[in-house]
Each structure stands twice: as C-alpha cells, then as structure tokens.
Amino acid sequence: KAFVLEKLGRKEEYKTMIKEALEMGNPNDIHTLARSLQTQKRTDEAVEIFMFNAKKHPDHWIPKVGLVRAHSAKGNYKEALKNAEIALKIVPDDQNKRNLEGMIKTLKEGKDVN
C-alpha cells in the first residue's frame, strides 16, 4: 500500500506508512522492504533500511545479510565480507548457508553481490 501511495504522489502518507512498517516489522519484513527498494534501483533508501534493521535487530542473521548487501552496493566489499562471515556463523538453515557461501565467494572476487 505504501508504494501505491507514493505512486499517487502522496509522499507524506508514504513516509508515515514506511515508518510504521519499520517500527512494527520483524527482521525478515524489514529486509524484504529494503530488497524491494533495491530492485527498484533505490539503493540509498534500501541501504538506509538495511542499516536500520541491523540496529534494531543486532543479533539476528537476516540484518547481517542486509549489511552485506548495503556495503556491497556501496563498493565496500571488505565490510560486506566481514558481515557475510558473521552471518554464516549464525544462519540457521542450509539453503541460506549456501547463499551466504556464494556471496562470500563473489565478494572475495571483488564483485558486487547485488
């Protein structure tokens, strides 16, 4: 709904709705919002939300992946790699572990994971 409000030019309502979503969202909800913005080429907004998620949920693995994406998007592969390695230690399932291993390989090659 927030993106619809934005498309309609109702920027203040959009901002209010996003703020409410961030406050109520769990780590996955917030990460999904940031990824959605990222796929729309709204990198700065996505990075801001990835950072918010990491501050709100500092011990959860999903925001660590968000930091990987945020730092990688900004070309800071060293910091992205650091967060990927942290996330790899705490990720709870094999599928996401494999995804992180792929990200680590890409970052070590000096490439963006996004």
Protein backbone atom coordinates (compact mmCIF):
# COMPACT_ATOMS: atom_id res chain seq x y z
CA LYS A 1 0.00 0.00 0.00
CA ALA A 2 2.88 2.38 0.77
CA PHE A 3 4.21 2.14 -2.77
CA VAL A 4 0.74 2.84 -4.17
CA LEU A 5 0.52 5.98 -2.05
CA GLU A 6 3.90 7.05 -3.34
CA LYS A 7 2.87 6.48 -6.96
CA LEU A 8 -0.19 8.63 -6.31
CA GLY A 9 2.09 11.45 -5.16
CA ARG A 10 1.05 11.13 -1.53
CA LYS A 11 4.62 11.30 -0.25
CA GLU A 12 3.89 12.16 3.37
CA GLU A 13 1.43 9.28 3.74
CA TYR A 14 4.02 7.01 2.10
CA LYS A 15 6.71 8.11 4.56
CA THR A 16 4.38 7.64 7.53
CA MET A 17 3.41 4.16 6.40
CA ILE A 18 7.04 3.13 5.85
CA LYS A 19 7.99 4.44 9.29
CA GLU A 20 5.18 2.46 10.90
CA ALA A 21 6.16 -0.67 8.98
CA LEU A 22 9.76 -0.35 10.14
CA GLU A 23 8.75 0.04 13.77
CA MET A 24 6.41 -2.98 13.68
CA GLY A 25 8.39 -5.19 11.31
CA ASN A 26 10.39 -8.25 12.20
CA PRO A 27 13.88 -8.74 10.70
CA ASN A 28 12.55 -10.50 7.62
CA ASP A 29 9.81 -7.93 6.95
CA ILE A 30 12.29 -5.07 7.09
CA HIS A 31 14.83 -6.92 4.94
CA THR A 32 12.14 -7.63 2.35
CA LEU A 33 11.20 -3.95 2.21
CA ALA A 34 14.84 -2.98 1.67
CA ARG A 35 15.27 -5.63 -1.05
CA SER A 36 12.15 -4.34 -2.78
CA LEU A 37 13.62 -0.84 -2.85
CA GLN A 38 16.92 -2.23 -4.06
CA THR A 39 15.28 -3.99 -7.01
CA GLN A 40 13.67 -0.65 -7.89
CA LYS A 41 17.19 0.85 -8.10
CA ARG A 42 16.53 2.92 -4.97
CA THR A 43 19.85 1.95 -3.45
CA ASP A 44 20.23 4.80 -0.96
CA GLU A 45 16.80 4.15 0.56
CA ALA A 46 17.48 0.41 0.66
CA VAL A 47 20.83 0.92 2.37
CA GLU A 48 19.20 3.16 4.97
CA ILE A 49 16.63 0.46 5.76
CA PHE A 50 19.25 -2.32 5.84
CA MET A 51 21.18 -0.22 8.39
CA PHE A 52 18.02 0.42 10.43
CA ASN A 53 17.30 -3.31 10.54
CA ALA A 54 20.82 -4.06 11.76
CA LYS A 55 20.46 -1.52 14.57
CA LYS A 56 17.01 -2.76 15.54
CA HIS A 57 17.97 -6.46 15.42
CA PRO A 58 21.74 -6.58 16.07
CA ASP A 59 21.92 -10.28 16.93
CA HIS A 60 19.79 -11.67 14.10
CA TRP A 61 21.38 -13.14 10.97
CA ILE A 62 19.00 -11.56 8.43
CA PRO A 63 20.08 -7.96 9.15
CA LYS A 64 23.69 -9.13 8.77
CA VAL A 65 22.81 -10.22 5.23
CA GLY A 66 21.26 -6.79 4.74
CA LEU A 67 24.56 -5.22 5.78
CA VAL A 68 26.31 -7.44 3.26
CA ARG A 69 24.02 -6.09 0.54
CA ALA A 70 24.28 -2.49 1.76
CA HIS A 71 28.08 -2.43 1.94
CA SER A 72 28.41 -4.32 -1.34
CA ALA A 73 26.10 -1.84 -3.07
CA LYS A 74 28.39 0.96 -1.90
CA GLY A 75 31.50 -0.88 -3.12
CA ASN A 76 32.77 -1.63 0.39
CA TYR A 77 33.42 -5.32 -0.22
CA LYS A 78 35.71 -5.69 2.79
CA GLU A 79 32.94 -4.67 5.22
CA ALA A 80 30.40 -6.71 3.25
CA LEU A 81 32.63 -9.77 3.53
CA LYS A 82 33.04 -9.25 7.29
CA ASN A 83 29.26 -9.24 7.75
CA ALA A 84 28.80 -12.24 5.46
CA GLU A 85 31.24 -14.25 7.55
CA ILE A 86 29.41 -13.27 10.75
CA ALA A 87 26.05 -14.21 9.23
CA LEU A 88 27.44 -17.54 8.03
CA LYS A 89 28.25 -18.50 11.63
CA ILE A 90 24.68 -17.91 12.83
CA VAL A 91 22.48 -18.74 9.83
CA PRO A 92 20.00 -21.46 10.88
CA ASP A 93 19.48 -23.40 7.64
CA ASP A 94 21.42 -24.99 4.80
CA GLN A 95 19.80 -23.06 1.94
CA ASN A 96 20.71 -19.68 3.39
CA LYS A 97 24.13 -21.01 4.35
CA ARG A 98 24.73 -21.92 0.70
CA ASN A 99 23.52 -18.48 -0.38
CA LEU A 100 25.95 -16.82 2.02
CA GLU A 101 28.80 -19.03 0.85
CA GLY A 102 28.06 -17.83 -2.69
CA MET A 103 28.07 -14.22 -1.53
CA ILE A 104 31.40 -14.73 0.22
CA LYS A 105 32.91 -16.21 -2.94
CA THR A 106 31.62 -13.28 -5.02
CA LEU A 107 32.93 -10.71 -2.54
CA LYS A 108 36.35 -12.37 -2.43
CA GLU A 109 36.42 -11.97 -6.22
CA GLY A 110 35.86 -8.24 -5.70
CA LYS A 111 32.36 -8.25 -7.16
CA ASP A 112 29.03 -6.83 -6.00
CA VAL A 113 26.61 -9.43 -4.61
CA ASN A 114 23.50 -7.48 -5.60
